[in-house]
């Protein structure tokens, strides 16, 4: 597990637009999974970095993903629909 005084954010899917990515990384440690990662990989990243926030772009968020970080406070969907959460 990584300890940091900065927020830990996992982006499930590709990186955000360059300006948005710069803004976010100026304020948080950001970990990008790439598009449609296997759920097991997402669980591992969320657990390893004890994510406080998850931004869902392209991929699934299961109960196990949500339970992987005791620090998780928010899950947001980038785009439309919530069928992957």
Protein backbone atom coordinates (compact mmCIF):
# COMPACT_ATOMS: atom_id res chain seq x y z
CA UNK A 1 0.00 0.00 0.00
CA UNK A 2 1.23 3.48 -0.86
CA UNK A 3 1.04 6.17 1.83
CA UNK A 4 0.69 9.76 0.60
CA UNK A 5 -0.69 13.05 1.86
CA UNK A 6 -2.23 13.62 -1.59
CA UNK A 7 -5.54 12.24 -2.77
CA UNK A 8 -5.39 8.91 -4.58
CA UNK A 9 -7.57 8.69 -7.70
CA UNK A 10 -8.02 5.71 -10.02
CA UNK A 11 -9.27 6.40 -13.54
CA UNK A 12 -10.87 3.28 -15.00
CA UNK A 13 -10.34 3.72 -18.71
CA UNK A 14 -8.00 5.88 -20.77
CA UNK A 15 -6.53 9.14 -19.48
CA UNK A 16 -8.69 12.23 -19.33
CA UNK A 17 -8.32 15.10 -21.79
CA UNK A 18 -4.82 16.63 -21.41
CA UNK A 19 -5.96 19.78 -19.58
CA UNK A 20 -8.20 17.79 -17.23
CA UNK A 21 -5.41 15.28 -16.59
CA UNK A 22 -2.95 18.10 -15.74
CA UNK A 23 -5.46 19.71 -13.38
CA UNK A 24 -6.13 16.42 -11.61
CA UNK A 25 -2.47 15.37 -11.32
CA UNK A 26 -1.61 18.77 -9.82
CA UNK A 27 -3.89 17.88 -6.91
CA UNK A 28 -3.81 14.09 -6.65
CA UNK A 29 -1.89 10.92 -7.33
CA UNK A 30 -3.61 9.53 -10.43
CA UNK A 31 -3.50 5.92 -11.60
CA UNK A 32 -4.96 5.11 -15.04
CA UNK A 33 -6.00 1.53 -15.81
CA UNK A 34 -6.49 1.83 -19.56
CA UNK A 35 -9.72 0.94 -21.35
CA UNK A 36 -11.79 -2.01 -20.10
CA UNK A 37 -9.29 -3.56 -17.69
CA UNK A 38 -10.04 -6.97 -16.19
CA UNK A 39 -11.86 -6.51 -12.87
CA UNK A 40 -9.03 -8.31 -11.05
CA UNK A 41 -6.55 -5.70 -12.31
CA UNK A 42 -8.84 -2.85 -11.21
CA UNK A 43 -9.21 -4.42 -7.76
CA UNK A 44 -5.42 -4.68 -7.46
CA UNK A 45 -4.83 -1.04 -8.42
CA UNK A 46 -7.58 0.27 -6.13
CA UNK A 47 -6.28 -1.87 -3.25
CA UNK A 48 -2.59 -1.05 -3.79
CA UNK A 49 -3.14 2.71 -3.89
CA UNK A 50 -6.06 2.79 -1.41
CA UNK A 51 -8.01 5.00 -3.80
CA UNK A 52 -10.13 7.74 -2.30
CA UNK A 53 -11.88 8.37 -5.62
CA UNK A 54 -12.65 6.37 -8.73
CA UNK A 55 -13.47 7.98 -12.08
CA UNK A 56 -15.21 5.46 -14.33
CA UNK A 57 -14.72 5.98 -18.05
CA UNK A 58 -14.49 2.56 -19.71
CA UNK A 59 -14.72 -0.47 -17.48
CA UNK A 60 -16.69 -2.20 -14.77
CA UNK A 61 -16.91 -1.38 -11.08
CA UNK A 62 -18.04 -4.36 -9.05
CA UNK A 63 -18.75 -4.69 -5.35
CA UNK A 64 -15.24 -6.14 -4.98
CA UNK A 65 -13.72 -3.03 -6.59
CA UNK A 66 -15.66 -0.81 -4.17
CA UNK A 67 -14.53 -2.91 -1.19
CA UNK A 68 -10.85 -2.90 -2.24
CA UNK A 69 -10.10 0.47 -0.60
CA UNK A 70 -11.11 1.35 2.94
CA UNK A 71 -10.49 5.01 2.00
CA UNK A 72 -12.87 5.13 -0.98
CA UNK A 73 -15.21 8.13 -0.64
CA UNK A 74 -16.59 8.76 -4.13
CA UNK A 75 -17.21 7.05 -7.45
CA UNK A 76 -18.04 9.23 -10.44
CA UNK A 77 -19.03 8.34 -13.98
CA UNK A 78 -17.31 10.23 -16.79
CA UNK A 79 -19.86 10.10 -19.59
CA UNK A 80 -23.40 8.78 -19.62
CA UNK A 81 -25.07 5.82 -17.97
CA UNK A 82 -24.26 3.88 -14.85
CA UNK A 83 -24.69 0.32 -16.10
CA UNK A 84 -21.00 -0.44 -15.43
CA UNK A 85 -21.21 0.52 -11.74
